[in-house]
Each structure stands twice: as structure tokens, then as C-alpha cells.
Amino acid sequence: MTTSEPAPRPATDSTGIATHDARDLVPNGVTADIALDGQVYTLRITQAGNLILTK
């Protein structure tokens, strides 16, 4: 049986905008799929520490 940790809650700034640490969104340290309105996007962290979001 596999247990998972609850997702970390995003911090919010004074304007109420949520801030997420990208490494929390990418559990394997490389890529994560993000779905929006039936479309799936891939978020990737490069070796240089940059973020790439592709459709």
C-alpha cells in the first residue's frame, strides 16, 4: 500500500496571489502534467533550474 503526503498549501502574498514552489509541483524532480479545461500541459524543470511549460 502506498501512502502519499498531502500537497503543500501555497503561500499567499498581500494581494492574495498563491505562490507555489515548482519543486513541490514536480514530485520526480523533472516533469509534471498539469490539466486545464481538458488540455494537458507538461511542466519541466531543466538542469539549469529553468521552467518550461509545453502543451
N, C-alpha and C. Protein backbone atom coordinates (compact mmCIF):
# COMPACT_ATOMS: atom_id res chain seq x y z
N MET A 1 0.84 -1.18 0.00
CA MET A 1 0.00 0.00 0.00
C MET A 1 0.88 1.23 0.00
N THR A 2 0.59 2.16 -0.89
CA THR A 2 1.37 3.38 -0.98
C THR A 2 0.62 4.52 -0.33
N THR A 3 1.31 5.28 0.47
CA THR A 3 0.69 6.45 1.07
C THR A 3 1.32 7.68 0.44
N SER A 4 0.55 8.71 0.33
CA SER A 4 1.10 9.95 -0.22
C SER A 4 0.91 11.05 0.80
N GLU A 5 1.84 11.97 0.75
CA GLU A 5 1.76 13.11 1.66
C GLU A 5 0.76 14.10 1.08
N PRO A 6 0.07 14.85 1.93
CA PRO A 6 -0.84 15.86 1.41
C PRO A 6 -0.04 16.93 0.67
N ALA A 7 -0.65 17.48 -0.35
CA ALA A 7 0.01 18.53 -1.12
C ALA A 7 0.25 19.74 -0.23
N PRO A 8 1.43 20.36 -0.36
CA PRO A 8 1.68 21.55 0.44
C PRO A 8 0.73 22.68 0.07
N ARG A 9 0.33 23.43 1.05
CA ARG A 9 -0.56 24.55 0.80
C ARG A 9 0.25 25.72 0.27
N PRO A 10 -0.22 26.39 -0.77
CA PRO A 10 0.53 27.51 -1.32
C PRO A 10 0.53 28.69 -0.36
N ALA A 11 1.61 29.42 -0.38
CA ALA A 11 1.68 30.67 0.38
C ALA A 11 0.93 31.73 -0.40
N THR A 12 0.43 32.71 0.26
CA THR A 12 -0.21 33.83 -0.44
C THR A 12 0.47 35.12 -0.02
N ASP A 13 0.56 36.04 -0.96
CA ASP A 13 1.16 37.33 -0.63
C ASP A 13 0.05 38.31 -0.24
N SER A 14 0.40 39.56 -0.07
CA SER A 14 -0.56 40.55 0.41
C SER A 14 -1.69 40.80 -0.59
N THR A 15 -1.48 40.44 -1.86
CA THR A 15 -2.54 40.61 -2.86
C THR A 15 -3.44 39.39 -2.95
N GLY A 16 -3.11 38.34 -2.20
CA GLY A 16 -3.90 37.12 -2.21
C GLY A 16 -3.52 36.16 -3.32
N ILE A 17 -2.43 36.43 -4.04
CA ILE A 17 -1.98 35.56 -5.11
C ILE A 17 -1.23 34.38 -4.52
N ALA A 18 -1.63 33.17 -4.90
CA ALA A 18 -0.97 31.96 -4.39
C ALA A 18 0.41 31.81 -5.03
N THR A 19 1.38 31.39 -4.22
CA THR A 19 2.72 31.13 -4.71
C THR A 19 3.05 29.68 -4.42
N HIS A 20 3.41 28.93 -5.48
CA HIS A 20 3.74 27.51 -5.36
C HIS A 20 5.22 27.33 -5.66
N ASP A 21 5.89 26.51 -4.89
CA ASP A 21 7.27 26.15 -5.21
C ASP A 21 7.20 25.10 -6.31
N ALA A 22 7.83 25.35 -7.44
CA ALA A 22 7.76 24.45 -8.59
C ALA A 22 8.24 23.05 -8.23
N ARG A 23 9.21 22.94 -7.35
CA ARG A 23 9.72 21.61 -6.99
C ARG A 23 8.67 20.80 -6.22
N ASP A 24 7.74 21.48 -5.55
CA ASP A 24 6.64 20.78 -4.89
C ASP A 24 5.63 20.26 -5.91
N LEU A 25 5.53 20.92 -7.06
CA LEU A 25 4.60 20.51 -8.11
C LEU A 25 5.16 19.38 -8.96
N VAL A 26 6.48 19.19 -8.92
CA VAL A 26 7.15 18.19 -9.76
C VAL A 26 7.77 17.14 -8.85
N PRO A 27 6.98 16.12 -8.46
CA PRO A 27 7.44 15.17 -7.46
C PRO A 27 8.65 14.34 -7.85
N ASN A 28 8.85 14.09 -9.15
CA ASN A 28 10.01 13.29 -9.56
C ASN A 28 11.22 14.16 -9.85
N GLY A 29 11.07 15.47 -9.67
CA GLY A 29 12.18 16.40 -9.86
C GLY A 29 12.42 16.82 -11.29
N VAL A 30 11.63 16.27 -12.25
CA VAL A 30 11.87 16.59 -13.65
C VAL A 30 10.62 17.13 -14.33
N THR A 31 9.53 16.35 -14.36
CA THR A 31 8.33 16.78 -15.06
C THR A 31 7.06 16.51 -14.26
N ALA A 32 6.03 17.28 -14.59
CA ALA A 32 4.70 17.06 -14.03
C ALA A 32 3.68 17.45 -15.08
N ASP A 33 2.57 16.74 -15.14
CA ASP A 33 1.48 17.09 -16.03
C ASP A 33 0.51 17.99 -15.28
N ILE A 34 0.02 19.02 -15.97
CA ILE A 34 -0.94 19.96 -15.41
C ILE A 34 -2.12 20.01 -16.37
N ALA A 35 -3.32 19.77 -15.86
CA ALA A 35 -4.52 19.77 -16.70
C ALA A 35 -5.30 21.06 -16.50
N LEU A 36 -5.81 21.58 -17.63
CA LEU A 36 -6.65 22.77 -17.59
C LEU A 36 -7.68 22.66 -18.71
N ASP A 37 -8.95 22.64 -18.35
CA ASP A 37 -10.04 22.59 -19.33
C ASP A 37 -9.87 21.48 -20.35
N GLY A 38 -9.48 20.30 -19.89
CA GLY A 38 -9.36 19.16 -20.77
C GLY A 38 -8.05 19.09 -21.54
N GLN A 39 -7.20 20.08 -21.41
CA GLN A 39 -5.90 20.08 -22.07
C GLN A 39 -4.83 19.71 -21.04
N VAL A 40 -3.83 18.95 -21.46
CA VAL A 40 -2.75 18.56 -20.56
C VAL A 40 -1.47 19.26 -20.99
N TYR A 41 -0.84 19.91 -20.04
CA TYR A 41 0.41 20.61 -20.26
C TYR A 41 1.49 19.90 -19.45
N THR A 42 2.73 20.00 -19.90
CA THR A 42 3.85 19.41 -19.17
C THR A 42 4.74 20.53 -18.63
N LEU A 43 4.96 20.49 -17.33
CA LEU A 43 5.87 21.42 -16.67
C LEU A 43 7.18 20.68 -16.45
N ARG A 44 8.26 21.26 -16.93
CA ARG A 44 9.56 20.60 -16.80
C ARG A 44 10.55 21.56 -16.15
N ILE A 45 11.36 21.03 -15.24
CA ILE A 45 12.46 21.78 -14.63
C ILE A 45 13.74 21.32 -15.32
N THR A 46 14.45 22.25 -15.95
CA THR A 46 15.68 21.90 -16.64
C THR A 46 16.82 21.74 -15.65
N GLN A 47 17.94 21.19 -16.14
CA GLN A 47 19.12 21.04 -15.28
C GLN A 47 19.65 22.40 -14.83
N ALA A 48 19.39 23.44 -15.63
CA ALA A 48 19.82 24.78 -15.28
C ALA A 48 18.87 25.46 -14.29
N GLY A 49 17.76 24.77 -13.95
CA GLY A 49 16.82 25.33 -12.99
C GLY A 49 15.78 26.22 -13.61
N ASN A 50 15.60 26.15 -14.94
CA ASN A 50 14.56 26.93 -15.62
C ASN A 50 13.30 26.10 -15.72
N LEU A 51 12.17 26.78 -15.87
CA LEU A 51 10.89 26.11 -16.05
C LEU A 51 10.45 26.20 -17.50
N ILE A 52 9.94 25.08 -18.04
CA ILE A 52 9.40 25.05 -19.38
C ILE A 52 8.01 24.44 -19.29
N LEU A 53 7.01 25.14 -19.84
CA LEU A 53 5.64 24.65 -19.87
C LEU A 53 5.27 24.43 -21.33
N THR A 54 4.92 23.18 -21.68
CA THR A 54 4.57 22.86 -23.06
C THR A 54 3.21 22.21 -23.10
N LYS A 55 2.58 22.34 -24.26
CA LYS A 55 1.25 21.76 -24.48
C LYS A 55 1.39 20.41 -25.12
